[in-house]
Structures are given as structure tokens and as C-alpha cells.
Amino acid sequence: MELTKYELARIIGARAYQLALGAPPLVKISRPDMSFLEVAEEELKKGVIPLAVVRE
């Protein structure tokens, strides 16, 4: 299933928020200065984000 740009933004934003609140990252952080958004994008690329899109 192809995600829309709105779904991508919502998933990345929600995951970045979780990371900001202290959730452990699910990918190896390659740089010590990576932002939460960069980590969330990397998790999305690798397919390990624990979020799903439900369409009605």
C-alpha cells in the first residue's frame, strides 16, 4: 500500500513525538546530533515504525 504525503507526515510526526518523550529508537543512530525527525524518517525507511494506517 502506498502512503499519501499526509499519512507519511502524520506517521513521521507521531513517531518523532514518541522519541521526544523518551521512546527508544528502533534503528542505530549514526550521528550523535540526529534530530527526532531524522530518526523517525530512518525508521520509516527501514520499515520498523510500530504504527499502522487504517483506511475506511
C-alpha atoms as a PDB file:
ATOM      1  CA  MET A   1       0.000   0.000   0.000  1.00  0.00           C
ATOM      2  CA  GLU A   2       1.347   3.384  -0.994  1.00  0.00           C
ATOM      3  CA  LEU A   3       1.122   6.046   1.693  1.00  0.00           C
ATOM      4  CA  THR A   4      -0.044   9.551   0.841  1.00  0.00           C
ATOM      5  CA  LYS A   5       2.099  12.541   1.742  1.00  0.00           C
ATOM      6  CA  TYR A   6      -0.347  13.322   4.562  1.00  0.00           C
ATOM      7  CA  GLU A   7      -0.079   9.820   6.006  1.00  0.00           C
ATOM      8  CA  LEU A   8       3.714   9.978   5.793  1.00  0.00           C
ATOM      9  CA  ALA A   9       3.764  13.317   7.608  1.00  0.00           C
ATOM     10  CA  ARG A  10       1.405  12.028  10.302  1.00  0.00           C
ATOM     11  CA  ILE A  11       3.385   8.842  10.910  1.00  0.00           C
ATOM     12  CA  ILE A  12       6.765  10.578  10.993  1.00  0.00           C
ATOM     13  CA  GLY A  13       5.407  13.313  13.247  1.00  0.00           C
ATOM     14  CA  ALA A  14       3.793  10.854  15.651  1.00  0.00           C
ATOM     15  CA  ARG A  15       6.949   8.746  15.878  1.00  0.00           C
ATOM     16  CA  ALA A  16       9.176  11.807  16.350  1.00  0.00           C
ATOM     17  CA  TYR A  17       6.879  12.877  19.197  1.00  0.00           C
ATOM     18  CA  GLN A  18       7.224   9.450  20.812  1.00  0.00           C
ATOM     19  CA  LEU A  19      11.009   9.686  20.530  1.00  0.00           C
ATOM     20  CA  ALA A  20      10.970  13.170  22.057  1.00  0.00           C
ATOM     21  CA  LEU A  21       9.038  11.781  25.033  1.00  0.00           C
ATOM     22  CA  GLY A  22      11.706   9.127  25.621  1.00  0.00           C
ATOM     23  CA  ALA A  23      10.772   6.151  23.459  1.00  0.00           C
ATOM     24  CA  PRO A  24      13.820   4.090  22.485  1.00  0.00           C
ATOM     25  CA  PRO A  25      14.899   4.392  18.841  1.00  0.00           C
ATOM     26  CA  LEU A  26      14.407   1.243  16.768  1.00  0.00           C
ATOM     27  CA  VAL A  27      17.369   1.896  14.458  1.00  0.00           C
ATOM     28  CA  LYS A  28      21.020   2.524  15.151  1.00  0.00           C
ATOM     29  CA  ILE A  29      21.699   6.241  15.420  1.00  0.00           C
ATOM     30  CA  SER A  30      24.528   7.003  13.008  1.00  0.00           C
ATOM     31  CA  ARG A  31      25.270  10.536  14.233  1.00  0.00           C
ATOM     32  CA  PRO A  32      25.031  11.891  17.779  1.00  0.00           C
ATOM     33  CA  ASP A  33      23.311  15.073  16.540  1.00  0.00           C
ATOM     34  CA  MET A  34      20.426  13.374  14.688  1.00  0.00           C
ATOM     35  CA  SER A  35      17.077  15.037  15.289  1.00  0.00           C
ATOM     36  CA  PHE A  36      13.970  13.097  16.272  1.00  0.00           C
ATOM     37  CA  LEU A  37      12.552  13.683  12.788  1.00  0.00           C
ATOM     38  CA  GLU A  38      15.644  12.209  11.143  1.00  0.00           C
ATOM     39  CA  VAL A  39      15.467   9.154  13.383  1.00  0.00           C
ATOM     40  CA  ALA A  40      11.743   8.732  12.601  1.00  0.00           C
ATOM     41  CA  GLU A  41      12.420   9.025   8.845  1.00  0.00           C
ATOM     42  CA  GLU A  42      15.176   6.420   9.108  1.00  0.00           C
ATOM     43  CA  GLU A  43      12.820   4.085  10.977  1.00  0.00           C
ATOM     44  CA  LEU A  44      10.202   4.560   8.266  1.00  0.00           C
ATOM     45  CA  LYS A  45      12.750   3.777   5.544  1.00  0.00           C
ATOM     46  CA  LYS A  46      13.683   0.535   7.303  1.00  0.00           C
ATOM     47  CA  GLY A  47      10.043  -0.350   7.982  1.00  0.00           C
ATOM     48  CA  VAL A  48      10.304  -0.705  11.751  1.00  0.00           C
ATOM     49  CA  ILE A  49       7.891   2.010  12.911  1.00  0.00           C
ATOM     50  CA  PRO A  50       5.269   0.412  15.186  1.00  0.00           C
ATOM     51  CA  LEU A  51       2.389   2.422  13.677  1.00  0.00           C
ATOM     52  CA  ALA A  52      -0.206   1.468  11.069  1.00  0.00           C
ATOM     53  CA  VAL A  53      -2.558   3.327   8.741  1.00  0.00           C
ATOM     54  CA  VAL A  54      -6.181   2.199   8.766  1.00  0.00           C
ATOM     55  CA  ARG A  55      -8.348   3.392   5.879  1.00  0.00           C
ATOM     56  CA  GLU A  56     -12.088   3.045   5.870  1.00  0.00           C
END
